[in-house]
Amino acid sequence: MITRPTEEWGREVQDQKGRIAAGTLAEQDAYALKLWPEAFLAAVDTALDAYEADVRSFSSPSDDEVFASVERVVVALNSVDEEHGRRIETGEREELCEYIDDVLTDAGIDVDGLTSRRDIDRAELTDEWRDW
């Protein structure tokens, strides 16, 4: 089963909240609360929900249909990032890109074949639309 990046980020937020409450972490040292506020996590999850539903709806998708789905989620994440103060940094970017790829792979899409037919590297799957 694929784990969403937001699940991991959310666990770290909850862990740090618990440590603050227990007095073992100073609030100013709780980086996760600053990086991933709940509204940001919810907005990212909304974009990923739509992407997963999109990919699940595929029946024998063309390359154009798959790339359109990737474009939609990346553009949605661009908006989330902008609206929430540019929270998607290097670590988040890598995790989100891997997740986007994993969802396709889990749905039976040959991502290597898909990207090679566009003459791009698999790691460039989201690059055309990504601002983060």
N, C-alpha and C. Protein backbone atom coordinates (compact mmCIF):
# COMPACT_ATOMS: atom_id res chain seq x y z
N MET A 1 0.83 -1.18 0.00
CA MET A 1 0.00 0.00 0.00
C MET A 1 0.88 1.25 0.00
N ILE A 2 0.48 2.21 -0.77
CA ILE A 2 1.23 3.46 -0.90
C ILE A 2 0.87 4.37 0.28
N THR A 3 1.88 4.97 0.86
CA THR A 3 1.66 5.92 1.95
C THR A 3 1.78 7.33 1.39
N ARG A 4 0.76 8.12 1.63
CA ARG A 4 0.79 9.52 1.21
C ARG A 4 1.81 10.29 2.03
N PRO A 5 2.48 11.23 1.39
CA PRO A 5 3.39 12.08 2.16
C PRO A 5 2.68 12.80 3.31
N THR A 6 1.43 13.19 3.10
CA THR A 6 0.70 13.92 4.13
C THR A 6 0.47 13.07 5.38
N GLU A 7 0.41 11.75 5.21
CA GLU A 7 0.27 10.88 6.38
C GLU A 7 1.51 10.96 7.26
N GLU A 8 2.66 10.90 6.62
CA GLU A 8 3.92 11.00 7.37
C GLU A 8 4.07 12.38 7.99
N TRP A 9 3.77 13.42 7.23
CA TRP A 9 3.88 14.78 7.75
C TRP A 9 2.92 14.98 8.93
N GLY A 10 1.71 14.49 8.77
CA GLY A 10 0.71 14.61 9.83
C GLY A 10 1.10 13.88 11.10
N ARG A 11 1.70 12.69 10.94
CA ARG A 11 2.19 11.94 12.12
C ARG A 11 3.24 12.74 12.86
N GLU A 12 4.14 13.39 12.11
CA GLU A 12 5.18 14.19 12.75
C GLU A 12 4.57 15.40 13.46
N VAL A 13 3.57 16.02 12.86
CA VAL A 13 2.87 17.13 13.51
C VAL A 13 2.25 16.65 14.83
N GLN A 14 1.54 15.52 14.78
CA GLN A 14 0.89 15.01 15.99
C GLN A 14 1.91 14.62 17.06
N ASP A 15 3.02 14.03 16.63
CA ASP A 15 4.08 13.67 17.57
C ASP A 15 4.61 14.91 18.27
N GLN A 16 4.87 15.94 17.50
CA GLN A 16 5.42 17.16 18.09
C GLN A 16 4.40 17.85 18.99
N LYS A 17 3.13 17.84 18.62
CA LYS A 17 2.09 18.39 19.51
C LYS A 17 2.08 17.65 20.84
N GLY A 18 2.20 16.32 20.77
CA GLY A 18 2.23 15.52 21.99
C GLY A 18 3.45 15.82 22.84
N ARG A 19 4.58 16.01 22.19
CA ARG A 19 5.80 16.33 22.93
C ARG A 19 5.74 17.72 23.54
N ILE A 20 5.10 18.66 22.87
CA ILE A 20 4.90 19.99 23.45
C ILE A 20 4.02 19.88 24.69
N ALA A 21 2.91 19.13 24.56
CA ALA A 21 1.99 18.96 25.69
C ALA A 21 2.67 18.27 26.87
N ALA A 22 3.60 17.35 26.56
CA ALA A 22 4.31 16.63 27.63
C ALA A 22 5.46 17.44 28.20
N GLY A 23 5.76 18.56 27.58
CA GLY A 23 6.84 19.40 28.06
C GLY A 23 8.23 18.96 27.64
N THR A 24 8.29 18.06 26.65
CA THR A 24 9.60 17.58 26.20
C THR A 24 10.08 18.27 24.92
N LEU A 25 9.25 19.16 24.39
CA LEU A 25 9.63 19.92 23.19
C LEU A 25 9.10 21.34 23.34
N ALA A 26 9.96 22.29 23.14
CA ALA A 26 9.53 23.69 23.17
C ALA A 26 8.78 24.00 21.88
N GLU A 27 7.71 24.76 21.99
CA GLU A 27 6.89 25.07 20.80
C GLU A 27 7.71 25.71 19.69
N GLN A 28 8.66 26.56 20.04
CA GLN A 28 9.47 27.21 19.01
C GLN A 28 10.38 26.22 18.28
N ASP A 29 10.57 25.03 18.85
CA ASP A 29 11.40 24.01 18.20
C ASP A 29 10.58 23.00 17.39
N ALA A 30 9.28 23.17 17.36
CA ALA A 30 8.39 22.23 16.67
C ALA A 30 8.31 22.60 15.18
N TYR A 31 9.29 22.17 14.44
CA TYR A 31 9.39 22.52 13.01
C TYR A 31 8.19 22.02 12.21
N ALA A 32 7.66 20.84 12.56
CA ALA A 32 6.57 20.26 11.78
C ALA A 32 5.32 21.13 11.82
N LEU A 33 5.09 21.77 12.96
CA LEU A 33 3.91 22.64 13.08
C LEU A 33 4.02 23.83 12.15
N LYS A 34 5.24 24.27 11.91
CA LYS A 34 5.47 25.41 11.02
C LYS A 34 5.45 24.98 9.55
N LEU A 35 6.04 23.83 9.27
CA LEU A 35 6.12 23.36 7.87
C LEU A 35 4.78 22.89 7.33
N TRP A 36 4.02 22.17 8.16
CA TRP A 36 2.83 21.49 7.68
C TRP A 36 1.60 21.78 8.54
N PRO A 37 1.10 23.01 8.50
CA PRO A 37 -0.13 23.30 9.26
C PRO A 37 -1.29 22.45 8.72
N GLU A 38 -2.27 22.24 9.58
CA GLU A 38 -3.38 21.35 9.23
C GLU A 38 -4.10 21.77 7.96
N ALA A 39 -4.28 23.06 7.74
CA ALA A 39 -4.97 23.52 6.52
C ALA A 39 -4.17 23.16 5.27
N PHE A 40 -2.87 23.23 5.35
CA PHE A 40 -2.01 22.85 4.23
C PHE A 40 -2.14 21.35 3.97
N LEU A 41 -2.07 20.54 5.02
CA LEU A 41 -2.20 19.09 4.86
C LEU A 41 -3.54 18.73 4.23
N ALA A 42 -4.60 19.38 4.70
CA ALA A 42 -5.93 19.11 4.15
C ALA A 42 -6.02 19.49 2.67
N ALA A 43 -5.43 20.60 2.31
CA ALA A 43 -5.46 21.04 0.90
C ALA A 43 -4.67 20.09 0.00
N VAL A 44 -3.52 19.63 0.48
CA VAL A 44 -2.74 18.66 -0.29
C VAL A 44 -3.54 17.37 -0.44
N ASP A 45 -4.16 16.92 0.64
CA ASP A 45 -4.97 15.69 0.58
C ASP A 45 -6.12 15.83 -0.41
N THR A 46 -6.74 16.99 -0.49
CA THR A 46 -7.82 17.20 -1.44
C THR A 46 -7.31 17.03 -2.87
N ALA A 47 -6.14 17.59 -3.16
CA ALA A 47 -5.54 17.45 -4.50
C ALA A 47 -5.20 15.99 -4.77
N LEU A 48 -4.65 15.29 -3.79
CA LEU A 48 -4.28 13.89 -3.98
C LEU A 48 -5.50 12.99 -4.09
N ASP A 49 -6.57 13.31 -3.36
CA ASP A 49 -7.84 12.56 -3.50
C ASP A 49 -8.33 12.60 -4.94
N ALA A 50 -8.34 13.81 -5.50
CA ALA A 50 -8.82 13.98 -6.88
C ALA A 50 -7.93 13.21 -7.86
N TYR A 51 -6.64 13.26 -7.64
CA TYR A 51 -5.69 12.55 -8.50
C TYR A 51 -5.92 11.04 -8.44
N GLU A 52 -6.05 10.51 -7.24
CA GLU A 52 -6.28 9.08 -7.09
C GLU A 52 -7.58 8.66 -7.77
N ALA A 53 -8.62 9.45 -7.60
CA ALA A 53 -9.91 9.13 -8.24
C ALA A 53 -9.77 9.17 -9.75
N ASP A 54 -9.03 10.15 -10.24
CA ASP A 54 -8.77 10.28 -11.67
C ASP A 54 -8.08 9.02 -12.20
N VAL A 55 -7.04 8.60 -11.54
CA VAL A 55 -6.27 7.44 -11.99
C VAL A 55 -7.10 6.16 -11.87
N ARG A 56 -7.90 6.05 -10.80
CA ARG A 56 -8.77 4.87 -10.65
C ARG A 56 -9.80 4.77 -11.77
N SER A 57 -10.16 5.90 -12.35
CA SER A 57 -11.18 5.90 -13.40
C SER A 57 -10.64 5.42 -14.75
N PHE A 58 -9.32 5.29 -14.85
CA PHE A 58 -8.72 4.84 -16.11
C PHE A 58 -9.17 3.43 -16.46
N SER A 59 -9.38 3.22 -17.72
CA SER A 59 -9.67 1.88 -18.20
C SER A 59 -8.63 1.48 -19.23
N SER A 60 -8.24 1.98 -20.13
CA SER A 60 -7.07 1.73 -20.96
C SER A 60 -6.62 3.10 -21.42
N PRO A 61 -6.01 3.83 -20.54
CA PRO A 61 -5.74 5.23 -20.84
C PRO A 61 -4.65 5.43 -21.88
N SER A 62 -4.82 6.45 -22.66
CA SER A 62 -3.76 6.86 -23.59
C SER A 62 -2.70 7.61 -22.79
N ASP A 63 -1.54 7.77 -23.39
CA ASP A 63 -0.49 8.57 -22.74
C ASP A 63 -1.00 9.97 -22.45
N ASP A 64 -1.74 10.55 -23.38
CA ASP A 64 -2.27 11.90 -23.18
C ASP A 64 -3.19 11.97 -21.96
N GLU A 65 -4.02 10.94 -21.75
CA GLU A 65 -4.91 10.92 -20.59
C GLU A 65 -4.11 10.84 -19.29
N VAL A 66 -3.06 10.02 -19.28
CA VAL A 66 -2.25 9.89 -18.08
C VAL A 66 -1.52 11.19 -17.79
N PHE A 67 -0.91 11.78 -18.81
CA PHE A 67 -0.21 13.04 -18.60
C PHE A 67 -1.18 14.15 -18.19
N ALA A 68 -2.41 14.13 -18.69
CA ALA A 68 -3.40 15.13 -18.29
C ALA A 68 -3.72 14.99 -16.80
N SER A 69 -3.79 13.76 -16.32
CA SER A 69 -4.03 13.53 -14.90
C SER A 69 -2.88 14.04 -14.05
N VAL A 70 -1.65 13.77 -14.50
CA VAL A 70 -0.47 14.27 -13.79
C VAL A 70 -0.48 15.80 -13.80
N GLU A 71 -0.79 16.38 -14.93
CA GLU A 71 -0.84 17.84 -15.02
C GLU A 71 -1.86 18.41 -14.04
N ARG A 72 -3.05 17.80 -13.97
CA ARG A 72 -4.09 18.31 -13.06
C ARG A 72 -3.63 18.30 -11.61
N VAL A 73 -3.00 17.21 -11.17
CA VAL A 73 -2.58 17.16 -9.76
C VAL A 73 -1.44 18.13 -9.50
N VAL A 74 -0.52 18.26 -10.44
CA VAL A 74 0.60 19.18 -10.25
C VAL A 74 0.11 20.62 -10.20
N VAL A 75 -0.79 20.98 -11.09
CA VAL A 75 -1.35 22.34 -11.10
C VAL A 75 -2.12 22.60 -9.79
N ALA A 76 -2.87 21.60 -9.33
CA ALA A 76 -3.58 21.74 -8.06
C ALA A 76 -2.60 21.94 -6.90
N LEU A 77 -1.51 21.18 -6.91
CA LEU A 77 -0.49 21.33 -5.87
C LEU A 77 0.24 22.67 -5.98
N ASN A 78 0.41 23.17 -7.20
CA ASN A 78 0.97 24.52 -7.38
C ASN A 78 0.10 25.54 -6.65
N SER A 79 -1.21 25.41 -6.82
CA SER A 79 -2.15 26.34 -6.18
C SER A 79 -2.10 26.22 -4.66
N VAL A 80 -2.06 24.99 -4.17
CA VAL A 80 -1.97 24.76 -2.73
C VAL A 80 -0.70 25.40 -2.19
N ASP A 81 0.40 25.18 -2.88
CA ASP A 81 1.68 25.73 -2.43
C ASP A 81 1.64 27.25 -2.38
N GLU A 82 1.08 27.85 -3.40
CA GLU A 82 0.97 29.31 -3.46
C GLU A 82 0.07 29.83 -2.34
N GLU A 83 -1.09 29.21 -2.17
CA GLU A 83 -2.06 29.65 -1.18
C GLU A 83 -1.56 29.51 0.25
N HIS A 84 -0.65 28.61 0.47
CA HIS A 84 -0.19 28.32 1.84
C HIS A 84 1.25 28.77 2.08
N GLY A 85 1.73 29.72 1.30
CA GLY A 85 3.01 30.34 1.59
C GLY A 85 4.24 29.55 1.18
N ARG A 86 4.14 28.83 0.07
CA ARG A 86 5.31 28.10 -0.47
C ARG A 86 5.89 27.13 0.55
N ARG A 87 5.10 26.15 0.92
CA ARG A 87 5.50 25.15 1.91
C ARG A 87 6.14 23.92 1.29
N ILE A 88 6.00 23.75 -0.01
CA ILE A 88 6.58 22.57 -0.65
C ILE A 88 8.04 22.89 -0.98
N GLU A 89 8.91 22.30 -0.18
CA GLU A 89 10.35 22.49 -0.36
C GLU A 89 10.95 21.20 -0.93
N THR A 90 12.24 21.08 -0.92
CA THR A 90 12.92 19.95 -1.57
C THR A 90 12.40 18.60 -1.09
N GLY A 91 12.35 18.39 0.21
CA GLY A 91 11.89 17.11 0.73
C GLY A 91 10.47 16.79 0.33
N GLU A 92 9.60 17.77 0.48
CA GLU A 92 8.19 17.59 0.11
C GLU A 92 8.07 17.34 -1.39
N ARG A 93 8.82 18.08 -2.17
CA ARG A 93 8.78 17.91 -3.64
C ARG A 93 9.13 16.48 -4.01
N GLU A 94 10.21 15.98 -3.47
CA GLU A 94 10.63 14.61 -3.80
C GLU A 94 9.58 13.59 -3.39
N GLU A 95 9.00 13.77 -2.20
CA GLU A 95 7.99 12.83 -1.73
C GLU A 95 6.72 12.90 -2.58
N LEU A 96 6.30 14.09 -2.95
CA LEU A 96 5.10 14.23 -3.78
C LEU A 96 5.32 13.66 -5.18
N CYS A 97 6.47 13.93 -5.77
CA CYS A 97 6.77 13.38 -7.10
C CYS A 97 6.80 11.86 -7.07
N GLU A 98 7.41 11.31 -6.03
CA GLU A 98 7.44 9.84 -5.90
C GLU A 98 6.03 9.29 -5.74
N TYR A 99 5.21 9.98 -4.97
CA TYR A 99 3.84 9.54 -4.76
C TYR A 99 3.04 9.57 -6.06
N ILE A 100 3.18 10.63 -6.83
CA ILE A 100 2.48 10.74 -8.11
C ILE A 100 2.86 9.56 -9.02
N ASP A 101 4.14 9.25 -9.07
CA ASP A 101 4.64 8.11 -9.83
C ASP A 101 4.08 6.80 -9.27
N ASP A 102 4.13 6.63 -7.95
CA ASP A 102 3.67 5.39 -7.32
C ASP A 102 2.20 5.11 -7.58
N VAL A 103 1.38 6.15 -7.59
CA VAL A 103 -0.05 5.96 -7.85
C VAL A 103 -0.24 5.40 -9.27
N LEU A 104 0.50 5.94 -10.21
CA LEU A 104 0.41 5.43 -11.59
C LEU A 104 0.88 3.98 -11.66
N THR A 105 2.02 3.71 -11.04
CA THR A 105 2.58 2.36 -11.05
C THR A 105 1.61 1.38 -10.42
N ASP A 106 1.02 1.76 -9.29
CA ASP A 106 0.06 0.90 -8.59
C ASP A 106 -1.17 0.62 -9.46
N ALA A 107 -1.50 1.54 -10.36
CA ALA A 107 -2.64 1.37 -11.26
C ALA A 107 -2.27 0.58 -12.52
N GLY A 108 -1.02 0.13 -12.59
CA GLY A 108 -0.60 -0.67 -13.72
C GLY A 108 -0.04 0.11 -14.89
N ILE A 109 0.22 1.39 -14.69
CA ILE A 109 0.78 2.22 -15.75
C ILE A 109 2.30 2.00 -15.79
N ASP A 110 2.82 1.75 -16.96
CA ASP A 110 4.27 1.60 -17.16
C ASP A 110 4.87 3.01 -17.27
N VAL A 111 5.32 3.54 -16.14
CA VAL A 111 5.80 4.93 -16.10
C VAL A 111 7.08 5.08 -16.92
N ASP A 112 7.94 4.08 -16.90
CA ASP A 112 9.15 4.15 -17.73
C ASP A 112 8.77 4.25 -19.21
N GLY A 113 7.84 3.42 -19.64
CA GLY A 113 7.39 3.47 -21.03
C GLY A 113 6.70 4.79 -21.36
N LEU A 114 5.86 5.24 -20.44
CA LEU A 114 5.13 6.49 -20.61
C LEU A 114 6.08 7.65 -20.82
N THR A 115 7.06 7.77 -19.95
CA THR A 115 7.98 8.91 -20.03
C THR A 115 8.94 8.77 -21.21
N SER A 116 9.35 7.55 -21.51
CA SER A 116 10.29 7.39 -22.63
C SER A 116 9.62 7.74 -23.96
N ARG A 117 8.32 7.50 -24.07
CA ARG A 117 7.61 7.87 -25.30
C ARG A 117 7.53 9.38 -25.46
N ARG A 118 7.71 10.12 -24.39
CA ARG A 118 7.75 11.59 -24.44
C ARG A 118 9.20 12.09 -24.45
N ASP A 119 10.11 11.17 -24.49
CA ASP A 119 11.55 11.48 -24.51
C ASP A 119 11.98 12.26 -23.27
N ILE A 120 11.45 11.85 -22.12
CA ILE A 120 11.87 12.43 -20.85
C ILE A 120 12.24 11.31 -19.90
N ASP A 121 13.02 11.64 -18.90
CA ASP A 121 13.39 10.69 -17.86
C ASP A 121 12.20 10.53 -16.91
N ARG A 122 12.10 9.37 -16.32
CA ARG A 122 11.01 9.11 -15.37
C ARG A 122 10.97 10.17 -14.27
N ALA A 123 12.13 10.63 -13.84
CA ALA A 123 12.20 11.63 -12.77
C ALA A 123 11.65 12.99 -13.21
N GLU A 124 11.41 13.16 -14.49
CA GLU A 124 10.89 14.43 -15.03
C GLU A 124 9.38 14.40 -15.26
N LEU A 125 8.72 13.40 -14.74
CA LEU A 125 7.28 13.20 -14.97
C LEU A 125 6.45 14.45 -14.69
N THR A 126 6.79 15.18 -13.64
CA THR A 126 5.98 16.34 -13.24
C THR A 126 6.59 17.68 -13.65
N ASP A 127 7.78 17.66 -14.20
CA ASP A 127 8.56 18.89 -14.40
C ASP A 127 7.88 19.94 -15.28
N GLU A 128 7.16 19.52 -16.28
CA GLU A 128 6.57 20.46 -17.23
C GLU A 128 5.62 21.46 -16.56
N TRP A 129 4.96 21.03 -15.49
CA TRP A 129 3.92 21.87 -14.87
C TRP A 129 4.29 22.34 -13.46
N ARG A 130 5.32 21.77 -12.88
CA ARG A 130 5.62 21.99 -11.46
C ARG A 130 6.30 23.32 -11.19
N ASP A 131 5.73 24.08 -10.24
CA ASP A 131 6.33 25.33 -9.77
C ASP A 131 7.06 25.14 -8.44
N TRP A 132 6.84 24.04 -7.77
CA TRP A 132 7.41 23.80 -6.45
C TRP A 132 8.63 22.93 -6.54
